[in-house]
N, C-alpha and C. Protein backbone atom coordinates (compact mmCIF):
# COMPACT_ATOMS: atom_id res chain seq x y z
N UNK A 1 113.10 93.19 83.31
CA UNK A 1 113.70 92.92 84.58
C UNK A 1 114.25 94.23 85.11
N UNK A 2 114.06 94.42 86.38
CA UNK A 2 114.57 95.63 87.01
C UNK A 2 115.14 95.27 88.37
N UNK A 3 116.33 95.77 88.64
CA UNK A 3 116.98 95.47 89.91
C UNK A 3 117.60 96.74 90.48
N UNK A 4 117.90 96.68 91.76
CA UNK A 4 118.60 97.78 92.42
C UNK A 4 117.69 98.75 93.13
N UNK A 5 118.23 99.43 94.10
CA UNK A 5 117.56 100.46 94.90
C UNK A 5 116.40 99.93 95.74
N UNK A 6 116.32 98.61 95.88
CA UNK A 6 115.33 98.00 96.78
C UNK A 6 113.93 98.52 96.47
N UNK A 7 113.18 98.97 97.45
CA UNK A 7 111.80 99.41 97.24
C UNK A 7 111.70 100.78 96.59
N UNK A 8 112.84 101.43 96.33
CA UNK A 8 112.83 102.71 95.62
C UNK A 8 113.30 102.57 94.18
N UNK A 9 113.39 101.34 93.71
CA UNK A 9 113.67 101.06 92.31
C UNK A 9 112.62 101.79 91.46
N UNK A 10 113.01 102.31 90.32
CA UNK A 10 112.08 103.14 89.54
C UNK A 10 110.81 102.38 89.14
N UNK A 11 110.92 101.09 88.83
CA UNK A 11 109.71 100.35 88.49
C UNK A 11 108.87 100.03 89.72
N UNK A 12 109.51 99.76 90.85
CA UNK A 12 108.74 99.56 92.09
C UNK A 12 107.98 100.82 92.44
N UNK A 13 108.63 101.96 92.30
CA UNK A 13 107.95 103.23 92.58
C UNK A 13 106.74 103.39 91.67
N UNK A 14 106.92 103.12 90.37
CA UNK A 14 105.84 103.31 89.42
C UNK A 14 104.71 102.31 89.54
N UNK A 15 105.04 101.02 89.70
CA UNK A 15 104.00 99.99 89.70
C UNK A 15 103.46 99.63 91.07
N UNK A 16 104.18 99.96 92.13
CA UNK A 16 103.70 99.62 93.47
C UNK A 16 103.21 100.85 94.21
N UNK A 17 104.04 101.83 94.33
CA UNK A 17 103.73 102.94 95.23
C UNK A 17 102.90 104.03 94.57
N UNK A 18 103.24 104.46 93.37
CA UNK A 18 102.47 105.54 92.74
C UNK A 18 101.09 105.10 92.32
N UNK A 19 100.97 103.88 91.82
CA UNK A 19 99.66 103.41 91.35
C UNK A 19 98.72 103.12 92.51
N UNK A 20 99.27 102.84 93.67
CA UNK A 20 98.45 102.51 94.82
C UNK A 20 97.80 101.15 94.72
N UNK A 21 98.15 100.37 93.70
CA UNK A 21 97.52 99.07 93.49
C UNK A 21 98.47 97.92 93.77
N UNK A 22 99.71 98.23 94.13
CA UNK A 22 100.71 97.19 94.26
C UNK A 22 100.74 96.54 95.61
N UNK A 23 101.22 95.32 95.61
CA UNK A 23 101.49 94.60 96.85
C UNK A 23 102.99 94.55 97.01
N UNK A 24 103.45 94.81 98.21
CA UNK A 24 104.89 94.70 98.42
C UNK A 24 105.21 93.24 98.67
N UNK A 25 106.03 92.69 97.84
CA UNK A 25 106.44 91.31 97.96
C UNK A 25 107.48 91.01 96.91
N UNK A 26 108.37 90.11 97.25
CA UNK A 26 109.43 89.72 96.31
C UNK A 26 109.43 88.21 96.25
N UNK A 27 109.54 87.63 95.10
CA UNK A 27 109.61 88.22 93.77
C UNK A 27 108.22 88.58 93.24
N UNK A 28 108.21 89.34 92.17
CA UNK A 28 106.98 89.69 91.48
C UNK A 28 107.18 89.55 89.99
N UNK A 29 106.11 89.17 89.31
CA UNK A 29 106.06 89.22 87.85
C UNK A 29 104.92 90.14 87.51
N UNK A 30 105.21 91.19 86.78
CA UNK A 30 104.20 92.15 86.35
C UNK A 30 104.25 92.21 84.82
N UNK A 31 103.15 91.86 84.17
CA UNK A 31 103.04 91.93 82.72
C UNK A 31 102.27 93.20 82.40
N UNK A 32 102.86 94.04 81.55
CA UNK A 32 102.21 95.29 81.18
C UNK A 32 101.93 95.32 79.68
N UNK A 33 100.95 96.13 79.33
CA UNK A 33 100.62 96.36 77.93
C UNK A 33 100.83 97.84 77.64
N UNK A 34 101.42 98.12 76.49
CA UNK A 34 101.56 99.50 76.04
C UNK A 34 101.42 99.52 74.53
N UNK A 35 100.91 100.62 74.03
CA UNK A 35 100.73 100.79 72.60
C UNK A 35 101.84 101.70 72.08
N UNK A 36 102.56 101.22 71.08
CA UNK A 36 103.64 101.99 70.46
C UNK A 36 103.23 102.28 69.02
N UNK A 37 103.30 103.55 68.65
CA UNK A 37 102.99 103.95 67.28
C UNK A 37 104.20 104.66 66.70
N UNK A 38 104.53 104.27 65.47
CA UNK A 38 105.62 104.91 64.75
C UNK A 38 105.04 105.47 63.46
N UNK A 39 105.10 106.78 63.33
CA UNK A 39 104.63 107.45 62.13
C UNK A 39 105.74 108.38 61.67
N UNK A 40 106.30 108.03 60.53
CA UNK A 40 107.42 108.78 59.97
C UNK A 40 108.55 108.86 60.99
N UNK A 41 108.88 110.02 61.47
CA UNK A 41 109.98 110.20 62.42
C UNK A 41 109.51 110.33 63.86
N UNK A 42 108.25 110.03 64.12
CA UNK A 42 107.69 110.24 65.46
C UNK A 42 107.28 108.91 66.08
N UNK A 43 107.68 108.72 67.32
CA UNK A 43 107.28 107.54 68.08
C UNK A 43 106.47 108.01 69.27
N UNK A 44 105.29 107.42 69.45
CA UNK A 44 104.49 107.70 70.65
C UNK A 44 104.26 106.39 71.38
N UNK A 45 104.26 106.48 72.70
CA UNK A 45 104.10 105.30 73.55
C UNK A 45 103.03 105.62 74.58
N UNK A 46 102.02 104.76 74.68
CA UNK A 46 100.95 104.97 75.66
C UNK A 46 101.46 104.69 77.06
N UNK A 47 100.67 105.07 78.04
CA UNK A 47 100.95 104.67 79.41
C UNK A 47 100.81 103.16 79.50
N UNK A 48 101.53 102.55 80.42
CA UNK A 48 101.41 101.11 80.63
C UNK A 48 100.10 100.79 81.36
N UNK A 49 99.53 99.66 81.02
CA UNK A 49 98.42 99.13 81.83
C UNK A 49 98.83 97.73 82.27
N UNK A 50 98.58 97.43 83.52
CA UNK A 50 98.98 96.13 84.07
C UNK A 50 97.98 95.08 83.61
N UNK A 51 98.51 94.04 82.97
CA UNK A 51 97.69 92.94 82.46
C UNK A 51 97.54 91.87 83.53
N UNK A 52 98.63 91.54 84.19
CA UNK A 52 98.58 90.59 85.31
C UNK A 52 99.73 90.88 86.25
N UNK A 53 99.51 90.53 87.50
CA UNK A 53 100.55 90.69 88.53
C UNK A 53 100.52 89.42 89.37
N UNK A 54 101.68 88.81 89.53
CA UNK A 54 101.82 87.62 90.36
C UNK A 54 102.86 87.94 91.43
N UNK A 55 102.50 87.73 92.68
CA UNK A 55 103.38 88.11 93.79
C UNK A 55 103.72 86.89 94.63
N UNK A 56 105.00 86.68 94.82
CA UNK A 56 105.47 85.58 95.66
C UNK A 56 105.71 84.31 94.88
N UNK A 57 106.61 83.49 95.39
CA UNK A 57 107.00 82.28 94.67
C UNK A 57 105.84 81.32 94.47
N UNK A 58 104.96 81.20 95.44
CA UNK A 58 103.83 80.26 95.30
C UNK A 58 102.91 80.69 94.17
N UNK A 59 102.52 81.97 94.14
CA UNK A 59 101.63 82.46 93.08
C UNK A 59 102.29 82.40 91.72
N UNK A 60 103.58 82.75 91.65
CA UNK A 60 104.29 82.72 90.38
C UNK A 60 104.40 81.29 89.86
N UNK A 61 104.72 80.35 90.74
CA UNK A 61 104.84 78.95 90.35
C UNK A 61 103.50 78.40 89.87
N UNK A 62 102.43 78.68 90.60
CA UNK A 62 101.10 78.23 90.19
C UNK A 62 100.73 78.82 88.84
N UNK A 63 100.98 80.10 88.65
CA UNK A 63 100.68 80.80 87.40
C UNK A 63 101.48 80.17 86.25
N UNK A 64 102.77 79.91 86.48
CA UNK A 64 103.63 79.30 85.45
C UNK A 64 103.17 77.88 85.13
N UNK A 65 102.78 77.13 86.14
CA UNK A 65 102.30 75.76 85.93
C UNK A 65 101.02 75.74 85.09
N UNK A 66 100.23 76.83 85.15
CA UNK A 66 99.01 76.93 84.37
C UNK A 66 99.30 77.44 82.95
N UNK A 67 100.57 77.66 82.63
CA UNK A 67 100.94 78.12 81.29
C UNK A 67 101.08 79.63 81.19
N UNK A 68 101.18 80.30 82.33
CA UNK A 68 101.36 81.76 82.38
C UNK A 68 100.27 82.51 81.63
N UNK A 69 99.01 82.21 81.91
CA UNK A 69 97.93 82.86 81.15
C UNK A 69 97.72 84.32 81.56
N UNK A 70 97.30 85.10 80.60
CA UNK A 70 96.85 86.46 80.87
C UNK A 70 95.92 86.87 79.75
N UNK A 71 95.00 87.74 80.07
CA UNK A 71 94.02 88.21 79.09
C UNK A 71 94.37 89.64 78.69
N UNK A 72 94.37 89.88 77.40
CA UNK A 72 94.61 91.25 76.92
C UNK A 72 93.28 91.92 76.80
């Protein structure tokens, strides 16, 4: 969950504006996938990839009613 700074919120900037793939709309549910590796004292984290994006109450409700499916 991310709140604050309206459309300049750090996650809005990253997932909507920088990627060029986002739709401006509130609310949104964005499911991301990232790979985390821990080897000894080192942690590496991959870039996020968007698994699914649901925009607006109608789409979110329909998606939730279907069991919130997403494909990895």
